[in-house]
Amino acid sequence: MPHFTSDNDIERIGSGLIDRSLPKSDWTHAGHFAAALWIIAKCPHLDAARDMPGLIRAYNEATGVANTDTSGYHETITQASLRAARAFLAAAPPAPLFEVCNNLMSSPLGQPDWLLTYWTRETLFSTAARRTYTPPNKRSLPF
């Protein structure tokens, strides 16, 4: 089932993250990837790896989510997901961004637990991995 029906859907999520107007109910697994793809593809003035952490932290705070050692922003998940989104976009045939995002969500990356292929649960959800990027400890990322 498609998550998005137009590039406007993707832009609404990406711009809503940036200006902190995105309804919290739309900040889903698909929403995270939509925002990442939009920022990578449509915001050349932003460097996703550098800028997404601050954008997500600010969005979390604006929606009442504390960024702590146990909740809110997670550096390893963010950076791994950005790498995945960038690689998926680069490998995708030319298509509207919403189709790319729907295809990504239909791939193994669309599963919320996809990162557990590469990290143990203990490592991925550690305070250290939340604070700083922690390399995979089960197998290397393919991108």
N, C-alpha and C. Protein backbone atom coordinates (compact mmCIF):
# COMPACT_ATOMS: atom_id res chain seq x y z
N MET A 1 0.83 -1.18 0.00
CA MET A 1 0.00 0.00 0.00
C MET A 1 0.88 1.25 0.00
N PRO A 2 0.69 2.16 -0.94
CA PRO A 2 1.52 3.37 -0.98
C PRO A 2 1.29 4.26 0.23
N HIS A 3 2.36 4.84 0.69
CA HIS A 3 2.30 5.77 1.80
C HIS A 3 1.99 7.18 1.31
N PHE A 4 2.48 7.50 0.11
CA PHE A 4 2.38 8.86 -0.40
C PHE A 4 1.80 8.85 -1.81
N THR A 5 1.07 9.90 -2.15
CA THR A 5 0.43 9.96 -3.47
C THR A 5 0.96 11.08 -4.36
N SER A 6 1.82 11.93 -3.81
CA SER A 6 2.38 13.02 -4.62
C SER A 6 3.66 13.54 -3.96
N ASP A 7 4.42 14.27 -4.75
CA ASP A 7 5.61 14.92 -4.19
C ASP A 7 5.22 15.98 -3.16
N ASN A 8 4.01 16.51 -3.27
CA ASN A 8 3.54 17.47 -2.25
C ASN A 8 3.47 16.81 -0.88
N ASP A 9 3.12 15.53 -0.84
CA ASP A 9 3.10 14.80 0.44
C ASP A 9 4.49 14.78 1.06
N ILE A 10 5.48 14.52 0.22
CA ILE A 10 6.86 14.45 0.70
C ILE A 10 7.34 15.83 1.15
N GLU A 11 7.05 16.84 0.35
CA GLU A 11 7.46 18.20 0.71
C GLU A 11 6.79 18.66 2.00
N ARG A 12 5.53 18.33 2.19
CA ARG A 12 4.81 18.72 3.41
C ARG A 12 5.51 18.15 4.64
N ILE A 13 5.98 16.92 4.55
CA ILE A 13 6.67 16.31 5.68
C ILE A 13 8.04 16.96 5.89
N GLY A 14 8.80 17.10 4.81
CA GLY A 14 10.13 17.71 4.94
C GLY A 14 10.07 19.14 5.44
N SER A 15 9.21 19.93 4.85
CA SER A 15 9.12 21.34 5.28
C SER A 15 8.49 21.43 6.66
N GLY A 16 7.56 20.51 6.97
CA GLY A 16 6.97 20.49 8.31
C GLY A 16 7.97 20.15 9.38
N LEU A 17 8.93 19.29 9.05
CA LEU A 17 10.03 19.01 9.99
C LEU A 17 10.84 20.28 10.21
N ILE A 18 11.21 20.93 9.13
CA ILE A 18 12.06 22.11 9.21
C ILE A 18 11.39 23.24 9.99
N ASP A 19 10.12 23.51 9.69
CA ASP A 19 9.47 24.64 10.38
C ASP A 19 8.68 24.20 11.62
N ARG A 20 8.80 22.92 11.96
CA ARG A 20 8.22 22.35 13.18
C ARG A 20 6.69 22.39 13.19
N SER A 21 6.09 22.39 11.99
CA SER A 21 4.63 22.40 11.89
C SER A 21 4.03 21.03 11.60
N LEU A 22 4.88 20.03 11.38
CA LEU A 22 4.40 18.69 11.04
C LEU A 22 3.64 18.11 12.23
N PRO A 23 2.41 17.64 12.01
CA PRO A 23 1.71 16.98 13.12
C PRO A 23 2.52 15.79 13.61
N LYS A 24 2.59 15.64 14.90
CA LYS A 24 3.37 14.56 15.49
C LYS A 24 2.94 13.20 14.96
N SER A 25 1.66 13.05 14.64
CA SER A 25 1.15 11.77 14.13
C SER A 25 1.73 11.42 12.76
N ASP A 26 2.29 12.40 12.05
CA ASP A 26 2.90 12.15 10.74
C ASP A 26 4.40 11.85 10.83
N TRP A 27 4.97 11.94 12.03
CA TRP A 27 6.40 11.68 12.23
C TRP A 27 6.58 10.19 12.50
N THR A 28 6.34 9.41 11.46
CA THR A 28 6.38 7.96 11.49
C THR A 28 7.68 7.48 10.86
N HIS A 29 7.84 6.16 10.77
CA HIS A 29 8.99 5.59 10.06
C HIS A 29 9.00 6.10 8.61
N ALA A 30 7.86 6.05 7.95
CA ALA A 30 7.76 6.56 6.58
C ALA A 30 8.02 8.07 6.54
N GLY A 31 7.53 8.78 7.54
CA GLY A 31 7.76 10.22 7.60
C GLY A 31 9.22 10.57 7.75
N HIS A 32 9.95 9.80 8.55
CA HIS A 32 11.39 10.03 8.70
C HIS A 32 12.09 9.87 7.35
N PHE A 33 11.77 8.79 6.62
CA PHE A 33 12.42 8.58 5.33
C PHE A 33 11.97 9.62 4.30
N ALA A 34 10.70 10.03 4.33
CA ALA A 34 10.23 11.06 3.42
C ALA A 34 11.00 12.36 3.64
N ALA A 35 11.15 12.75 4.90
CA ALA A 35 11.91 13.98 5.20
C ALA A 35 13.36 13.85 4.75
N ALA A 36 13.96 12.70 5.01
CA ALA A 36 15.35 12.49 4.60
C ALA A 36 15.50 12.59 3.09
N LEU A 37 14.64 11.91 2.35
CA LEU A 37 14.73 11.96 0.88
C LEU A 37 14.51 13.37 0.36
N TRP A 38 13.54 14.08 0.93
CA TRP A 38 13.25 15.44 0.47
C TRP A 38 14.44 16.35 0.73
N ILE A 39 15.02 16.26 1.91
CA ILE A 39 16.16 17.11 2.23
C ILE A 39 17.35 16.77 1.33
N ILE A 40 17.61 15.49 1.12
CA ILE A 40 18.72 15.08 0.25
C ILE A 40 18.50 15.55 -1.19
N ALA A 41 17.27 15.36 -1.70
CA ALA A 41 17.00 15.63 -3.11
C ALA A 41 16.64 17.08 -3.42
N LYS A 42 16.02 17.76 -2.49
CA LYS A 42 15.44 19.06 -2.82
C LYS A 42 16.00 20.25 -2.04
N CYS A 43 16.90 20.00 -1.13
CA CYS A 43 17.44 21.09 -0.30
C CYS A 43 18.96 21.14 -0.41
N PRO A 44 19.48 21.62 -1.54
CA PRO A 44 20.93 21.63 -1.71
C PRO A 44 21.66 22.52 -0.71
N HIS A 45 20.95 23.44 -0.08
CA HIS A 45 21.56 24.32 0.92
C HIS A 45 21.74 23.60 2.26
N LEU A 46 21.17 22.42 2.39
CA LEU A 46 21.32 21.65 3.62
C LEU A 46 22.21 20.44 3.38
N ASP A 47 22.98 20.08 4.36
CA ASP A 47 23.75 18.85 4.36
C ASP A 47 23.03 17.93 5.33
N ALA A 48 22.38 16.90 4.79
CA ALA A 48 21.51 16.06 5.61
C ALA A 48 22.23 15.49 6.83
N ALA A 49 23.43 14.95 6.65
CA ALA A 49 24.15 14.34 7.77
C ALA A 49 24.48 15.37 8.85
N ARG A 50 24.75 16.58 8.45
CA ARG A 50 25.10 17.64 9.40
C ARG A 50 23.85 18.29 10.00
N ASP A 51 22.83 18.51 9.17
CA ASP A 51 21.70 19.34 9.58
C ASP A 51 20.50 18.58 10.16
N MET A 52 20.31 17.34 9.75
CA MET A 52 19.15 16.59 10.26
C MET A 52 19.16 16.44 11.78
N PRO A 53 20.30 16.19 12.41
CA PRO A 53 20.26 16.06 13.87
C PRO A 53 19.63 17.27 14.56
N GLY A 54 20.04 18.45 14.19
CA GLY A 54 19.47 19.65 14.80
C GLY A 54 18.01 19.84 14.45
N LEU A 55 17.65 19.54 13.21
CA LEU A 55 16.26 19.66 12.81
C LEU A 55 15.37 18.71 13.61
N ILE A 56 15.82 17.48 13.76
CA ILE A 56 15.02 16.50 14.50
C ILE A 56 14.94 16.87 15.98
N ARG A 57 16.06 17.27 16.56
CA ARG A 57 16.04 17.69 17.98
C ARG A 57 15.06 18.84 18.19
N ALA A 58 15.13 19.85 17.32
CA ALA A 58 14.25 21.01 17.46
C ALA A 58 12.78 20.61 17.26
N TYR A 59 12.52 19.75 16.28
CA TYR A 59 11.16 19.26 16.06
C TYR A 59 10.66 18.51 17.29
N ASN A 60 11.50 17.62 17.82
CA ASN A 60 11.11 16.87 19.02
C ASN A 60 10.72 17.83 20.14
N GLU A 61 11.56 18.80 20.40
CA GLU A 61 11.27 19.75 21.47
C GLU A 61 9.97 20.49 21.22
N ALA A 62 9.73 20.87 19.96
CA ALA A 62 8.51 21.61 19.61
C ALA A 62 7.25 20.76 19.78
N THR A 63 7.41 19.45 19.73
CA THR A 63 6.25 18.55 19.87
C THR A 63 6.22 17.87 21.23
N GLY A 64 7.02 18.35 22.16
CA GLY A 64 6.98 17.85 23.52
C GLY A 64 7.74 16.56 23.77
N VAL A 65 8.66 16.22 22.86
CA VAL A 65 9.48 15.02 23.04
C VAL A 65 10.86 15.45 23.53
N ALA A 66 11.22 14.97 24.70
CA ALA A 66 12.53 15.30 25.26
C ALA A 66 13.62 14.52 24.54
N ASN A 67 14.73 15.18 24.29
CA ASN A 67 15.92 14.53 23.72
C ASN A 67 16.83 14.15 24.88
N THR A 68 16.73 12.89 25.29
CA THR A 68 17.47 12.42 26.46
C THR A 68 18.28 11.18 26.09
N ASP A 69 18.88 10.58 27.09
CA ASP A 69 19.63 9.34 26.86
C ASP A 69 18.73 8.15 26.58
N THR A 70 17.42 8.32 26.73
CA THR A 70 16.50 7.20 26.51
C THR A 70 15.34 7.53 25.58
N SER A 71 15.24 8.77 25.12
CA SER A 71 14.13 9.12 24.22
C SER A 71 14.54 10.25 23.30
N GLY A 72 13.73 10.46 22.27
CA GLY A 72 13.98 11.55 21.34
C GLY A 72 15.05 11.20 20.32
N TYR A 73 15.88 12.19 20.01
CA TYR A 73 16.86 12.05 18.94
C TYR A 73 17.81 10.88 19.19
N HIS A 74 18.13 10.17 18.06
CA HIS A 74 19.05 9.02 18.12
C HIS A 74 20.04 9.14 16.95
N GLU A 75 21.28 9.43 17.27
CA GLU A 75 22.30 9.70 16.25
C GLU A 75 22.57 8.51 15.33
N THR A 76 22.73 7.33 15.87
CA THR A 76 23.06 6.17 15.02
C THR A 76 21.92 5.85 14.07
N ILE A 77 20.70 5.86 14.57
CA ILE A 77 19.55 5.58 13.69
C ILE A 77 19.44 6.64 12.61
N THR A 78 19.62 7.90 12.98
CA THR A 78 19.53 8.98 11.99
C THR A 78 20.60 8.85 10.92
N GLN A 79 21.84 8.70 11.31
CA GLN A 79 22.92 8.65 10.32
C GLN A 79 22.84 7.39 9.44
N ALA A 80 22.49 6.25 10.02
CA ALA A 80 22.33 5.03 9.22
C ALA A 80 21.17 5.18 8.24
N SER A 81 20.08 5.77 8.70
CA SER A 81 18.92 5.96 7.83
C SER A 81 19.21 6.95 6.71
N LEU A 82 19.98 7.98 7.00
CA LEU A 82 20.37 8.92 5.94
C LEU A 82 21.25 8.24 4.91
N ARG A 83 22.16 7.40 5.34
CA ARG A 83 22.99 6.65 4.39
C ARG A 83 22.12 5.76 3.53
N ALA A 84 21.16 5.09 4.15
CA ALA A 84 20.26 4.20 3.42
C ALA A 84 19.43 5.00 2.41
N ALA A 85 18.89 6.13 2.84
CA ALA A 85 18.07 6.95 1.95
C ALA A 85 18.88 7.47 0.78
N ARG A 86 20.09 7.94 1.06
CA ARG A 86 20.95 8.47 -0.01
C ARG A 86 21.29 7.37 -1.03
N ALA A 87 21.62 6.18 -0.54
CA ALA A 87 21.96 5.07 -1.44
C ALA A 87 20.74 4.63 -2.24
N PHE A 88 19.59 4.56 -1.60
CA PHE A 88 18.37 4.14 -2.28
C PHE A 88 18.02 5.14 -3.38
N LEU A 89 18.11 6.43 -3.07
CA LEU A 89 17.81 7.47 -4.05
C LEU A 89 18.79 7.42 -5.22
N ALA A 90 20.06 7.23 -4.94
CA ALA A 90 21.07 7.17 -6.00
C ALA A 90 20.85 5.98 -6.93
N ALA A 91 20.36 4.88 -6.40
CA ALA A 91 20.16 3.67 -7.20
C ALA A 91 18.81 3.64 -7.90
N ALA A 92 17.91 4.52 -7.53
CA ALA A 92 16.56 4.51 -8.09
C ALA A 92 16.54 5.07 -9.50
N PRO A 93 15.73 4.48 -10.37
CA PRO A 93 15.56 5.08 -11.69
C PRO A 93 14.85 6.43 -11.54
N PRO A 94 15.00 7.31 -12.52
CA PRO A 94 14.32 8.61 -12.42
C PRO A 94 12.82 8.41 -12.20
N ALA A 95 12.32 9.05 -11.17
CA ALA A 95 10.90 8.94 -10.81
C ALA A 95 10.57 10.06 -9.85
N PRO A 96 9.29 10.38 -9.73
CA PRO A 96 8.91 11.36 -8.71
C PRO A 96 9.37 10.89 -7.33
N LEU A 97 9.68 11.83 -6.47
CA LEU A 97 10.23 11.50 -5.15
C LEU A 97 9.26 10.66 -4.32
N PHE A 98 7.96 10.90 -4.46
CA PHE A 98 7.00 10.11 -3.68
C PHE A 98 7.04 8.64 -4.09
N GLU A 99 7.27 8.37 -5.38
CA GLU A 99 7.39 6.98 -5.83
C GLU A 99 8.66 6.34 -5.28
N VAL A 100 9.74 7.09 -5.26
CA VAL A 100 10.99 6.58 -4.68
C VAL A 100 10.76 6.24 -3.22
N CYS A 101 10.09 7.13 -2.50
CA CYS A 101 9.84 6.90 -1.08
C CYS A 101 8.93 5.69 -0.88
N ASN A 102 7.88 5.56 -1.69
CA ASN A 102 7.01 4.39 -1.58
C ASN A 102 7.78 3.11 -1.86
N ASN A 103 8.66 3.15 -2.85
CA ASN A 103 9.48 1.96 -3.15
C ASN A 103 10.43 1.64 -2.01
N LEU A 104 11.01 2.67 -1.41
CA LEU A 104 11.87 2.46 -0.25
C LEU A 104 11.07 1.80 0.88
N MET A 105 9.87 2.28 1.10
CA MET A 105 9.05 1.73 2.18
C MET A 105 8.59 0.31 1.87
N SER A 106 8.58 -0.09 0.60
CA SER A 106 8.24 -1.46 0.22
C SER A 106 9.45 -2.39 0.26
N SER A 107 10.62 -1.82 0.48
CA SER A 107 11.86 -2.59 0.55
C SER A 107 12.10 -3.01 2.01
N PRO A 108 13.15 -3.78 2.27
CA PRO A 108 13.46 -4.11 3.66
C PRO A 108 13.66 -2.88 4.55
N LEU A 109 14.08 -1.75 3.98
CA LEU A 109 14.25 -0.53 4.76
C LEU A 109 12.94 -0.01 5.32
N GLY A 110 11.86 -0.42 4.71
CA GLY A 110 10.54 0.00 5.18
C GLY A 110 10.11 -0.67 6.46
N GLN A 111 10.83 -1.70 6.86
CA GLN A 111 10.53 -2.37 8.13
C GLN A 111 11.17 -1.58 9.26
N PRO A 112 10.41 -1.22 10.28
CA PRO A 112 10.97 -0.42 11.36
C PRO A 112 12.18 -1.05 12.05
N ASP A 113 12.31 -2.37 11.99
CA ASP A 113 13.43 -3.04 12.65
C ASP A 113 14.59 -3.35 11.70
N TRP A 114 14.64 -2.71 10.55
CA TRP A 114 15.68 -3.03 9.56
C TRP A 114 17.09 -2.87 10.12
N LEU A 115 17.28 -1.96 11.06
CA LEU A 115 18.61 -1.72 11.60
C LEU A 115 19.13 -2.90 12.42
N LEU A 116 18.23 -3.74 12.91
CA LEU A 116 18.65 -4.89 13.73
C LEU A 116 19.31 -5.98 12.89
N THR A 117 19.32 -5.81 11.58
CA THR A 117 20.12 -6.68 10.71
C THR A 117 21.60 -6.37 10.88
N TYR A 118 21.90 -5.16 11.28
CA TYR A 118 23.28 -4.67 11.35
C TYR A 118 23.79 -4.44 12.76
N TRP A 119 22.90 -4.14 13.68
CA TRP A 119 23.26 -3.88 15.08
C TRP A 119 22.50 -4.85 15.99
N THR A 120 23.12 -5.23 17.08
CA THR A 120 22.35 -5.93 18.10
C THR A 120 21.43 -4.90 18.77
N ARG A 121 20.34 -5.36 19.30
CA ARG A 121 19.39 -4.48 19.99
C ARG A 121 20.10 -3.73 21.13
N GLU A 122 20.93 -4.45 21.88
CA GLU A 122 21.63 -3.85 23.01
C GLU A 122 22.52 -2.69 22.56
N THR A 123 23.25 -2.89 21.48
CA THR A 123 24.14 -1.83 20.98
C THR A 123 23.35 -0.67 20.39
N LEU A 124 22.38 -0.99 19.54
CA LEU A 124 21.63 0.07 18.87
C LEU A 124 20.89 0.97 19.85
N PHE A 125 20.34 0.38 20.89
CA PHE A 125 19.55 1.18 21.83
C PHE A 125 20.33 1.60 23.08
N SER A 126 21.65 1.55 22.96
CA SER A 126 22.49 2.02 24.06
C SER A 126 22.54 3.55 24.08
N THR A 127 22.88 4.08 25.22
CA THR A 127 23.05 5.53 25.35
C THR A 127 24.15 6.02 24.40
N ALA A 128 25.21 5.25 24.29
CA ALA A 128 26.33 5.66 23.41
C ALA A 128 25.86 5.79 21.96
N ALA A 129 25.07 4.83 21.48
CA ALA A 129 24.58 4.88 20.09
C ALA A 129 23.58 6.00 19.89
N ARG A 130 22.86 6.34 20.93
CA ARG A 130 21.91 7.46 20.84
C ARG A 130 22.67 8.78 20.74
N ARG A 131 23.77 8.90 21.47
CA ARG A 131 24.53 10.16 21.51
C ARG A 131 25.44 10.36 20.31
N THR A 132 26.13 9.30 19.88
CA THR A 132 27.09 9.41 18.77
C THR A 132 26.93 8.21 17.84
N TYR A 133 27.33 8.42 16.60
CA TYR A 133 27.21 7.31 15.64
C TYR A 133 28.08 6.15 16.11
N THR A 134 27.46 4.98 16.19
CA THR A 134 28.14 3.75 16.59
C THR A 134 28.10 2.80 15.40
N PRO A 135 29.25 2.33 14.91
CA PRO A 135 29.25 1.43 13.75
C PRO A 135 28.50 0.14 14.05
N PRO A 136 27.98 -0.50 13.00
CA PRO A 136 27.27 -1.77 13.19
C PRO A 136 28.16 -2.81 13.87
N ASN A 137 27.55 -3.66 14.67
CA ASN A 137 28.33 -4.70 15.34
C ASN A 137 27.91 -6.12 14.95
N LYS A 138 27.00 -6.25 13.97
CA LYS A 138 26.64 -7.57 13.45
C LYS A 138 27.17 -7.77 12.04
N ARG A 139 26.95 -6.78 11.19
CA ARG A 139 27.46 -6.81 9.82
C ARG A 139 27.53 -5.39 9.30
N SER A 140 28.39 -5.16 8.35
CA SER A 140 28.58 -3.81 7.81
C SER A 140 27.37 -3.38 6.99
N LEU A 141 27.10 -2.10 7.02
CA LEU A 141 26.06 -1.56 6.16
C LEU A 141 26.50 -1.71 4.70
N PRO A 142 25.57 -2.03 3.80
CA PRO A 142 25.95 -2.22 2.40
C PRO A 142 26.04 -0.91 1.62
N PHE A 143 25.87 0.21 2.30
CA PHE A 143 25.90 1.50 1.62
C PHE A 143 26.71 2.49 2.42
